[in-house]
C-alpha atoms as a PDB file:
ATOM      1  CA  MET A   1    -124.380 -60.969-145.423  1.00  0.00           C
ATOM      2  CA  ASP A   2    -126.516 -59.786-148.357  1.00  0.00           C
ATOM      3  CA  ASN A   3    -126.283 -56.191-147.130  1.00  0.00           C
ATOM      4  CA  PHE A   4    -122.549 -56.552-146.630  1.00  0.00           C
ATOM      5  CA  PHE A   5    -121.715 -57.907-150.076  1.00  0.00           C
ATOM      6  CA  GLY A   6    -124.349 -55.675-151.681  1.00  0.00           C
ATOM      7  CA  HIS A   7    -122.446 -52.743-150.246  1.00  0.00           C
ATOM      8  CA  PHE A   8    -119.268 -53.842-152.069  1.00  0.00           C
ATOM      9  CA  ARG A   9    -121.137 -54.846-155.234  1.00  0.00           C
ATOM     10  CA  ASN A  10    -118.938 -56.968-157.469  1.00  0.00           C
ATOM     11  CA  ARG A  11    -115.862 -57.115-155.217  1.00  0.00           C
ATOM     12  CA  GLN A  12    -114.691 -60.560-154.129  1.00  0.00           C
ATOM     13  CA  ALA A  13    -114.447 -61.444-150.438  1.00  0.00           C
ATOM     14  CA  GLU A  14    -110.655 -61.655-150.628  1.00  0.00           C
ATOM     15  CA  ASP A  15    -110.490 -58.103-152.019  1.00  0.00           C
ATOM     16  CA  ILE A  16    -112.211 -56.549-148.990  1.00  0.00           C
ATOM     17  CA  HIS A  17    -109.874 -55.043-146.392  1.00  0.00           C
ATOM     18  CA  ARG A  18    -110.117 -54.029-142.758  1.00  0.00           C
ATOM     19  CA  TRP A  19    -110.648 -50.350-143.582  1.00  0.00           C
ATOM     20  CA  ASP A  20    -113.452 -51.310-145.963  1.00  0.00           C
ATOM     21  CA  ILE A  21    -115.267 -53.148-143.174  1.00  0.00           C
ATOM     22  CA  ASN A  22    -114.713 -50.242-140.802  1.00  0.00           C
ATOM     23  CA  ASP A  23    -116.235 -47.863-143.387  1.00  0.00           C
ATOM     24  CA  TYR A  24    -119.166 -50.257-143.744  1.00  0.00           C
ATOM     25  CA  LYS A  25    -119.654 -50.218-139.952  1.00  0.00           C
ATOM     26  CA  GLU A  26    -119.694 -46.394-139.885  1.00  0.00           C
ATOM     27  CA  GLU A  27    -122.142 -46.260-142.778  1.00  0.00           C
ATOM     28  CA  ARG A  28    -124.545 -48.646-141.052  1.00  0.00           C
ATOM     29  CA  LEU A  29    -124.434 -46.491-137.913  1.00  0.00           C
ATOM     30  CA  HIS A  30    -125.043 -43.370-140.028  1.00  0.00           C
ATOM     31  CA  GLU A  31    -128.096 -45.089-141.532  1.00  0.00           C
ATOM     32  CA  GLY A  32    -129.532 -45.320-138.021  1.00  0.00           C
ATOM     33  CA  MET A  33    -128.895 -48.973-137.251  1.00  0.00           C
ATOM     34  CA  ALA A  34    -128.590 -49.682-133.524  1.00  0.00           C
ATOM     35  CA  PRO A  35    -124.976 -50.209-132.367  1.00  0.00           C
ATOM     36  CA  SER A  36    -125.897 -53.625-130.941  1.00  0.00           C
ATOM     37  CA  SER A  37    -127.275 -54.681-134.357  1.00  0.00           C
ATOM     38  CA  VAL A  38    -124.143 -53.420-136.085  1.00  0.00           C
ATOM     39  CA  ASN A  39    -122.030 -55.468-133.669  1.00  0.00           C
ATOM     40  CA  LEU A  40    -124.106 -58.539-134.520  1.00  0.00           C
ATOM     41  CA  GLU A  41    -123.396 -57.957-138.214  1.00  0.00           C
ATOM     42  CA  LEU A  42    -119.682 -57.601-137.458  1.00  0.00           C
ATOM     43  CA  ALA A  43    -119.725 -60.894-135.545  1.00  0.00           C
ATOM     44  CA  ILE A  44    -121.336 -62.636-138.531  1.00  0.00           C
ATOM     45  CA  ILE A  45    -118.754 -61.124-140.889  1.00  0.00           C
ATOM     46  CA  ARG A  46    -115.912 -62.279-138.610  1.00  0.00           C
ATOM     47  CA  SER A  47    -117.359 -65.784-138.502  1.00  0.00           C
ATOM     48  CA  PHE A  48    -117.661 -65.853-142.286  1.00  0.00           C
ATOM     49  CA  TYR A  49    -114.030 -64.844-142.758  1.00  0.00           C
ATOM     50  CA  ASN A  50    -112.895 -67.368-140.132  1.00  0.00           C
ATOM     51  CA  TRP A  51    -114.662 -70.015-142.210  1.00  0.00           C
ATOM     52  CA  MET A  52    -112.857 -68.705-145.320  1.00  0.00           C
ATOM     53  CA  LEU A  53    -109.549 -68.681-143.450  1.00  0.00           C
ATOM     54  CA  GLU A  54    -109.906 -72.307-142.323  1.00  0.00           C
ATOM     55  CA  ARG A  55    -110.389 -73.350-145.943  1.00  0.00           C
ATOM     56  CA  GLU A  56    -107.479 -71.158-147.105  1.00  0.00           C
ATOM     57  CA  TYR A  57    -109.708 -69.049-149.377  1.00  0.00           C
ATOM     58  CA  VAL A  58    -108.194 -65.957-147.742  1.00  0.00           C
ATOM     59  CA  GLU A  59    -104.897 -65.341-145.954  1.00  0.00           C
ATOM     60  CA  ILE A  60    -106.207 -63.102-143.149  1.00  0.00           C
ATOM     61  CA  ASN A  61    -109.501 -62.208-141.518  1.00  0.00           C
ATOM     62  CA  PRO A  62    -109.968 -58.488-142.304  1.00  0.00           C
ATOM     63  CA  ALA A  63    -112.750 -58.175-139.718  1.00  0.00           C
ATOM     64  CA  SER A  64    -110.675 -59.482-136.810  1.00  0.00           C
ATOM     65  CA  LYS A  65    -109.332 -56.067-135.765  1.00  0.00           C
ATOM     66  CA  VAL A  66    -112.390 -53.948-136.560  1.00  0.00           C
ATOM     67  CA  LYS A  67    -113.579 -52.416-133.279  1.00  0.00           C
ATOM     68  CA  ARG A  68    -117.118 -52.991-132.100  1.00  0.00           C
ATOM     69  CA  ALA A  69    -119.534 -50.082-132.254  1.00  0.00           C
ATOM     70  CA  LYS A  70    -119.876 -48.321-128.916  1.00  0.00           C
ATOM     71  CA  VAL A  71    -123.162 -49.251-127.274  1.00  0.00           C
ATOM     72  CA  PRO A  72    -124.594 -46.503-125.013  1.00  0.00           C
ATOM     73  CA  GLU A  73    -124.596 -47.508-121.362  1.00  0.00           C
ATOM     74  CA  ARG A  74    -128.088 -48.185-120.058  1.00  0.00           C
ATOM     75  CA  LYS A  75    -128.917 -47.940-116.393  1.00  0.00           C
ATOM     76  CA  PRO A  76    -130.720 -51.012-115.057  1.00  0.00           C
ATOM     77  CA  LYS A  77    -134.396 -50.307-114.422  1.00  0.00           C
ATOM     78  CA  GLY A  78    -136.326 -51.496-111.414  1.00  0.00           C
ATOM     79  CA  LEU A  79    -140.040 -51.524-110.700  1.00  0.00           C
ATOM     80  CA  SER A  80    -142.022 -49.038-108.625  1.00  0.00           C
ATOM     81  CA  ARG A  81    -143.779 -50.130-105.431  1.00  0.00           C
ATOM     82  CA  ALA A  82    -147.140 -49.749-107.210  1.00  0.00           C
ATOM     83  CA  GLN A  83    -145.993 -52.010-110.052  1.00  0.00           C
ATOM     84  CA  VAL A  84    -144.787 -54.694-107.622  1.00  0.00           C
ATOM     85  CA  GLU A  85    -148.053 -54.517-105.686  1.00  0.00           C
ATOM     86  CA  GLY A  86    -149.912 -54.851-108.997  1.00  0.00           C
ATOM     87  CA  LEU A  87    -147.933 -57.993-109.837  1.00  0.00           C
ATOM     88  CA  LEU A  88    -148.554 -59.548-106.414  1.00  0.00           C
ATOM     89  CA  ALA A  89    -152.270 -58.825-106.741  1.00  0.00           C
ATOM     90  CA  GLN A  90    -152.301 -60.929-109.926  1.00  0.00           C
ATOM     91  CA  CYS A  91    -150.532 -63.965-108.448  1.00  0.00           C
ATOM     92  CA  HIS A  92    -153.028 -66.822-108.724  1.00  0.00           C
ATOM     93  CA  SER A  93    -150.933 -69.501-107.031  1.00  0.00           C
ATOM     94  CA  THR A  94    -148.159 -70.084-104.512  1.00  0.00           C
ATOM     95  CA  ARG A  95    -145.799 -70.632-107.426  1.00  0.00           C
ATOM     96  CA  ASP A  96    -146.713 -67.239-108.886  1.00  0.00           C
ATOM     97  CA  LYS A  97    -145.995 -65.549-105.549  1.00  0.00           C
ATOM     98  CA  LEU A  98    -142.589 -67.227-105.309  1.00  0.00           C
ATOM     99  CA  ILE A  99    -141.716 -66.275-108.904  1.00  0.00           C
ATOM    100  CA  ILE A 100    -142.169 -62.634-107.840  1.00  0.00           C
ATOM    101  CA  LEU A 101    -140.978 -62.645-104.233  1.00  0.00           C
ATOM    102  CA  LEU A 102    -137.851 -64.818-104.478  1.00  0.00           C
ATOM    103  CA  PRO A 103    -135.936 -62.587-106.936  1.00  0.00           C
ATOM    104  CA  LEU A 104    -137.514 -59.444-105.439  1.00  0.00           C
ATOM    105  CA  THR A 105    -136.329 -60.198-101.877  1.00  0.00           C
ATOM    106  CA  THR A 106    -133.075 -62.076-102.596  1.00  0.00           C
ATOM    107  CA  GLY A 107    -131.799 -60.609-105.886  1.00  0.00           C
ATOM    108  CA  MET A 108    -131.606 -64.047-107.522  1.00  0.00           C
ATOM    109  CA  ARG A 109    -131.053 -64.174-111.273  1.00  0.00           C
ATOM    110  CA  GLY A 110    -133.654 -65.858-113.462  1.00  0.00           C
ATOM    111  CA  ILE A 111    -131.339 -68.785-114.197  1.00  0.00           C
ATOM    112  CA  GLU A 112    -130.679 -69.227-110.459  1.00  0.00           C
ATOM    113  CA  LEU A 113    -134.405 -69.205-109.793  1.00  0.00           C
ATOM    114  CA  ALA A 114    -134.986 -71.894-112.424  1.00  0.00           C
ATOM    115  CA  ARG A 115    -132.179 -74.080-111.053  1.00  0.00           C
ATOM    116  CA  LEU A 116    -132.999 -73.586-107.363  1.00  0.00           C
ATOM    117  CA  GLN A 117    -133.121 -76.919-105.545  1.00  0.00           C
ATOM    118  CA  TRP A 118    -134.846 -77.849-102.298  1.00  0.00           C
ATOM    119  CA  SER A 119    -131.455 -78.796-100.887  1.00  0.00           C
ATOM    120  CA  ASP A 120    -130.316 -75.160-101.329  1.00  0.00           C
ATOM    121  CA  ILE A 121    -132.780 -74.040 -98.650  1.00  0.00           C
ATOM    122  CA  ASP A 122    -131.532 -73.896 -95.067  1.00  0.00           C
ATOM    123  CA  TRP A 123    -134.836 -74.152 -93.184  1.00  0.00           C
ATOM    124  CA  GLU A 124    -133.283 -73.674 -89.749  1.00  0.00           C
ATOM    125  CA  GLN A 125    -131.357 -70.500 -90.638  1.00  0.00           C
ATOM    126  CA  ASN A 126    -134.026 -69.087 -93.006  1.00  0.00           C
ATOM    127  CA  ARG A 127    -131.660 -68.689 -95.919  1.00  0.00           C
ATOM    128  CA  ILE A 128    -130.734 -69.985 -99.357  1.00  0.00           C
ATOM    129  CA  VAL A 129    -127.205 -71.222 -99.982  1.00  0.00           C
ATOM    130  CA  LEU A 130    -126.705 -71.063-103.747  1.00  0.00           C
ATOM    131  CA  ASN A 131    -124.306 -73.666-105.096  1.00  0.00           C
ATOM    132  CA  GLY A 132    -121.601 -72.117-107.284  1.00  0.00           C
ATOM    133  CA  GLU A 133    -122.172 -74.826-109.902  1.00  0.00           C
ATOM    134  CA  ARG A 134    -125.580 -73.307-110.631  1.00  0.00           C
ATOM    135  CA  THR A 135    -124.761 -69.590-110.529  1.00  0.00           C
ATOM    136  CA  LYS A 136    -123.707 -67.368-113.420  1.00  0.00           C
ATOM    137  CA  THR A 137    -120.317 -66.468-111.930  1.00  0.00           C
ATOM    138  CA  GLY A 138    -119.546 -69.895-110.466  1.00  0.00           C
ATOM    139  CA  ARG A 139    -119.394 -68.395-106.965  1.00  0.00           C
ATOM    140  CA  SER A 140    -121.516 -69.718-104.104  1.00  0.00           C
ATOM    141  CA  ARG A 141    -123.410 -67.184-101.999  1.00  0.00           C
ATOM    142  CA  THR A 142    -125.824 -67.055 -99.093  1.00  0.00           C
ATOM    143  CA  LEU A 143    -129.141 -65.184 -99.306  1.00  0.00           C
ATOM    144  CA  PRO A 144    -131.290 -64.446 -96.237  1.00  0.00           C
ATOM    145  CA  LEU A 145    -134.989 -65.239 -96.593  1.00  0.00           C
ATOM    146  CA  ARG A 146    -137.888 -63.178 -95.318  1.00  0.00           C
ATOM    147  CA  ALA A 147    -140.316 -65.009 -93.010  1.00  0.00           C
ATOM    148  CA  ASP A 148    -143.238 -64.801 -95.447  1.00  0.00           C
ATOM    149  CA  VAL A 149    -141.111 -66.212 -98.276  1.00  0.00           C
ATOM    150  CA  ILE A 150    -140.022 -69.136 -96.088  1.00  0.00           C
ATOM    151  CA  GLY A 151    -143.706 -69.724 -95.346  1.00  0.00           C
ATOM    152  CA  LEU A 152    -144.538 -69.770 -99.064  1.00  0.00           C
ATOM    153  CA  LEU A 153    -141.711 -72.229 -99.731  1.00  0.00           C
ATOM    154  CA  ARG A 154    -143.027 -74.571 -97.026  1.00  0.00           C
ATOM    155  CA  GLU A 155    -146.521 -74.291 -98.487  1.00  0.00           C
ATOM    156  CA  PHE A 156    -145.207 -74.958-101.993  1.00  0.00           C
ATOM    157  CA  LEU A 157    -143.226 -77.954-100.780  1.00  0.00           C
ATOM    158  CA  THR A 158    -146.403 -79.439 -99.339  1.00  0.00           C
ATOM    159  CA  LEU A 159    -148.272 -78.790-102.589  1.00  0.00           C
ATOM    160  CA  MET A 160    -145.503 -80.405-104.640  1.00  0.00           C
ATOM    161  CA  ASP A 161    -145.397 -83.364-102.231  1.00  0.00           C
ATOM    162  CA  ASN A 162    -141.586 -83.257-102.176  1.00  0.00           C
ATOM    163  CA  ARG A 163    -139.223 -83.766 -99.264  1.00  0.00           C
ATOM    164  CA  PRO A 164    -136.177 -81.509 -98.612  1.00  0.00           C
ATOM    165  CA  GLU A 165    -133.877 -84.528 -98.378  1.00  0.00           C
ATOM    166  CA  GLU A 166    -134.551 -85.314-102.050  1.00  0.00           C
ATOM    167  CA  ALA A 167    -131.582 -83.191-103.078  1.00  0.00           C
ATOM    168  CA  ALA A 168    -131.909 -83.585-106.842  1.00  0.00           C
ATOM    169  CA  LEU A 169    -135.363 -81.981-107.041  1.00  0.00           C
ATOM    170  CA  GLU A 170    -135.700 -78.427-108.354  1.00  0.00           C
ATOM    171  CA  VAL A 171    -138.154 -76.183-106.532  1.00  0.00           C
ATOM    172  CA  PHE A 172    -139.978 -75.292-109.752  1.00  0.00           C
ATOM    173  CA  SER A 173    -139.459 -78.696-111.428  1.00  0.00           C
ATOM    174  CA  THR A 174    -137.528 -77.059-114.257  1.00  0.00           C
ATOM    175  CA  LYS A 175    -133.963 -76.126-115.116  1.00  0.00           C
ATOM    176  CA  ASP A 176    -135.042 -74.015-118.068  1.00  0.00           C
ATOM    177  CA  VAL A 177    -135.122 -70.267-117.366  1.00  0.00           C
ATOM    178  CA  ARG A 178    -137.514 -69.854-120.302  1.00  0.00           C
ATOM    179  CA  ASN A 179    -140.228 -71.450-118.178  1.00  0.00           C
ATOM    180  CA  THR A 180    -139.755 -69.055-115.247  1.00  0.00           C
ATOM    181  CA  ARG A 181    -139.663 -66.120-117.665  1.00  0.00           C
ATOM    182  CA  ALA A 182    -142.891 -67.300-119.281  1.00  0.00           C
ATOM    183  CA  TRP A 183    -144.626 -67.550-115.886  1.00  0.00           C
ATOM    184  CA  PHE A 184    -143.461 -64.031-115.021  1.00  0.00           C
ATOM    185  CA  THR A 185    -144.650 -62.694-118.388  1.00  0.00           C
ATOM    186  CA  ARG A 186    -148.130 -64.109-117.803  1.00  0.00           C
ATOM    187  CA  ILE A 187    -148.324 -62.385-114.400  1.00  0.00           C
ATOM    188  CA  CYS A 188    -147.205 -59.118-116.034  1.00  0.00           C
ATOM    189  CA  ARG A 189    -149.942 -59.378-118.658  1.00  0.00           C
ATOM    190  CA  ARG A 190    -152.607 -59.965-116.028  1.00  0.00           C
ATOM    191  CA  ALA A 191    -151.306 -56.925-114.138  1.00  0.00           C
ATOM    192  CA  GLY A 192    -151.399 -54.805-117.327  1.00  0.00           C
ATOM    193  CA  LEU A 193    -147.618 -54.374-117.248  1.00  0.00           C
ATOM    194  CA  VAL A 194    -147.040 -54.395-121.012  1.00  0.00           C
ATOM    195  CA  PRO A 195    -144.458 -54.622-122.444  1.00  0.00           C
ATOM    196  CA  CYS A 196    -143.182 -57.010-119.813  1.00  0.00           C
ATOM    197  CA  PRO A 197    -140.102 -55.506-118.085  1.00  0.00           C
ATOM    198  CA  GLY A 198    -138.449 -58.921-117.832  1.00  0.00           C
ATOM    199  CA  LEU A 199    -137.780 -61.164-114.855  1.00  0.00           C
ATOM    200  CA  HIS A 200    -134.406 -59.440-114.302  1.00  0.00           C
ATOM    201  CA  SER A 201    -136.261 -56.235-113.332  1.00  0.00           C
ATOM    202  CA  LEU A 202    -137.025 -57.844-109.955  1.00  0.00           C
ATOM    203  CA  ARG A 203    -133.286 -58.263-109.312  1.00  0.00           C
ATOM    204  CA  HIS A 204    -132.780 -54.611-110.285  1.00  0.00           C
ATOM    205  CA  THR A 205    -135.562 -53.597-107.888  1.00  0.00           C
ATOM    206  CA  PHE A 206    -133.932 -55.578-105.079  1.00  0.00           C
ATOM    207  CA  ALA A 207    -130.554 -53.904-105.583  1.00  0.00           C
ATOM    208  CA  SER A 208    -131.759 -50.320-106.030  1.00  0.00           C
ATOM    209  CA  THR A 209    -134.172 -50.593-103.072  1.00  0.00           C
ATOM    210  CA  LEU A 210    -131.465 -51.815-100.694  1.00  0.00           C
ATOM    211  CA  LEU A 211    -129.055 -49.088-101.788  1.00  0.00           C
ATOM    212  CA  ARG A 212    -131.742 -46.431-101.489  1.00  0.00           C
ATOM    213  CA  HIS A 213    -132.512 -47.545 -97.934  1.00  0.00           C
ATOM    214  CA  GLY A 214    -128.938 -47.330 -96.735  1.00  0.00           C
ATOM    215  CA  VAL A 215    -127.531 -50.852 -97.192  1.00  0.00           C
ATOM    216  CA  ASP A 216    -123.865 -50.438 -98.072  1.00  0.00           C
ATOM    217  CA  VAL A 217    -122.790 -51.187-101.629  1.00  0.00           C
ATOM    218  CA  TYR A 218    -120.345 -53.928-100.531  1.00  0.00           C
ATOM    219  CA  THR A 219    -123.138 -55.932 -98.891  1.00  0.00           C
ATOM    220  CA  VAL A 220    -125.357 -55.522-101.965  1.00  0.00           C
ATOM    221  CA  LYS A 221    -122.441 -56.639-104.151  1.00  0.00           C
ATOM    222  CA  GLU A 222    -122.113 -59.892-102.198  1.00  0.00           C
ATOM    223  CA  LEU A 223    -125.854 -60.556-102.236  1.00  0.00           C
ATOM    224  CA  LEU A 224    -125.992 -60.056-106.006  1.00  0.00           C
ATOM    225  CA  GLY A 225    -122.880 -62.163-106.603  1.00  0.00           C
ATOM    226  CA  HIS A 226    -121.059 -59.463-108.568  1.00  0.00           C
ATOM    227  CA  SER A 227    -117.324 -59.895-109.028  1.00  0.00           C
ATOM    228  CA  LYS A 228    -116.739 -56.136-109.429  1.00  0.00           C
ATOM    229  CA  LEU A 229    -117.968 -53.290-107.265  1.00  0.00           C
ATOM    230  CA  GLU A 230    -118.413 -51.133-110.389  1.00  0.00           C
ATOM    231  CA  THR A 231    -121.185 -53.443-111.585  1.00  0.00           C
ATOM    232  CA  THR A 232    -123.131 -52.958-108.362  1.00  0.00           C
ATOM    233  CA  ALA A 233    -122.592 -49.191-108.538  1.00  0.00           C
ATOM    234  CA  TRP A 234    -124.692 -49.092-111.736  1.00  0.00           C
ATOM    235  CA  TYR A 235    -127.749 -49.493-109.516  1.00  0.00           C
ATOM    236  CA  LEU A 236    -127.125 -46.100-107.946  1.00  0.00           C
ATOM    237  CA  CYS A 237    -129.517 -43.690-109.646  1.00  0.00           C
ATOM    238  CA  ALA A 238    -130.350 -39.987-109.567  1.00  0.00           C
ATOM    239  CA  ALA A 239    -132.616 -40.506-106.557  1.00  0.00           C
ATOM    240  CA  ASP A 240    -129.734 -41.990-104.591  1.00  0.00           C
ATOM    241  CA  LYS A 241    -127.489 -39.073-105.526  1.00  0.00           C
ATOM    242  CA  ALA A 242    -130.153 -36.623-104.340  1.00  0.00           C
ATOM    243  CA  GLU A 243    -130.278 -38.466-101.016  1.00  0.00           C
ATOM    244  CA  VAL A 244    -126.490 -38.177-100.742  1.00  0.00           C
ATOM    245  CA  CYS A 245    -126.711 -34.416-101.314  1.00  0.00           C
ATOM    246  CA  LYS A 246    -129.296 -34.172 -98.521  1.00  0.00           C
ATOM    247  CA  GLN A 247    -126.997 -36.030 -96.133  1.00  0.00           C
ATOM    248  CA  LEU A 248    -124.154 -33.588 -96.786  1.00  0.00           C
ATOM    249  CA  ASP A 249    -125.818 -31.228 -94.302  1.00  0.00           C
ATOM    250  CA  VAL A 250    -124.517 -33.384 -91.440  1.00  0.00           C
ATOM    251  CA  PHE A 251    -121.037 -31.922 -91.961  1.00  0.00           C
ATOM    252  CA  PRO A 252    -120.163 -28.732 -90.052  1.00  0.00           C
ATOM    253  CA  GLY A 253    -120.073 -25.510 -92.032  1.00  0.00           C
ATOM    254  CA  LEU A 254    -118.286 -22.211 -91.746  1.00  0.00           C
ATOM    255  CA  PRO A 255    -119.150 -20.070 -88.683  1.00  0.00           C
END
């Protein structure tokens, strides 16, 4: 707020109008501030004026209709095969291996990984049935499990001395995603992957790999738990488009 009121010098808060705030936004962008940081400033300004409005110090919130700065769209980034192999080589425990392989082979979000319960695992069908109460979108979904991952889960269960029927127990004994992120960060550091790409990069790798190997986008959408197909389509990259161009040769041409 110091920057904001410093910009208007001796003007009182009630004397600042919507167009003034919009000019301030444009000036901050011109100074080189990141659009996301400008939007954070705008949110703080809106909150300040809402506070003023509740106490009847002002009659309107001049920031309420100021549009957010446009943030450039960033394509989600996955990991290369060599990077994943490097991470797996630095897994010092069964837990470490599961922290990498579960999101990598199922597309689970970090928060879903942290909240995963033993009761979510269908041992007979080799799958995870995520409860909608513990997913980001509130939608339940079923994720097939690779044989080696099922084996690691059984091994981990033995190490933890838990029983599947104890439904309240979390697989990683935590509901806090910060813990799973911290474990992943430590593996990244051991593998020399600095800065750490973030736990979500494994979900990105899952999605882009499936799409690149011919799994249809609708199936990937359901596995990821996206509500919109457009969100899943973000995982299509230049490499996928090049593959599409190659496949165009299957169509007949002119004689």
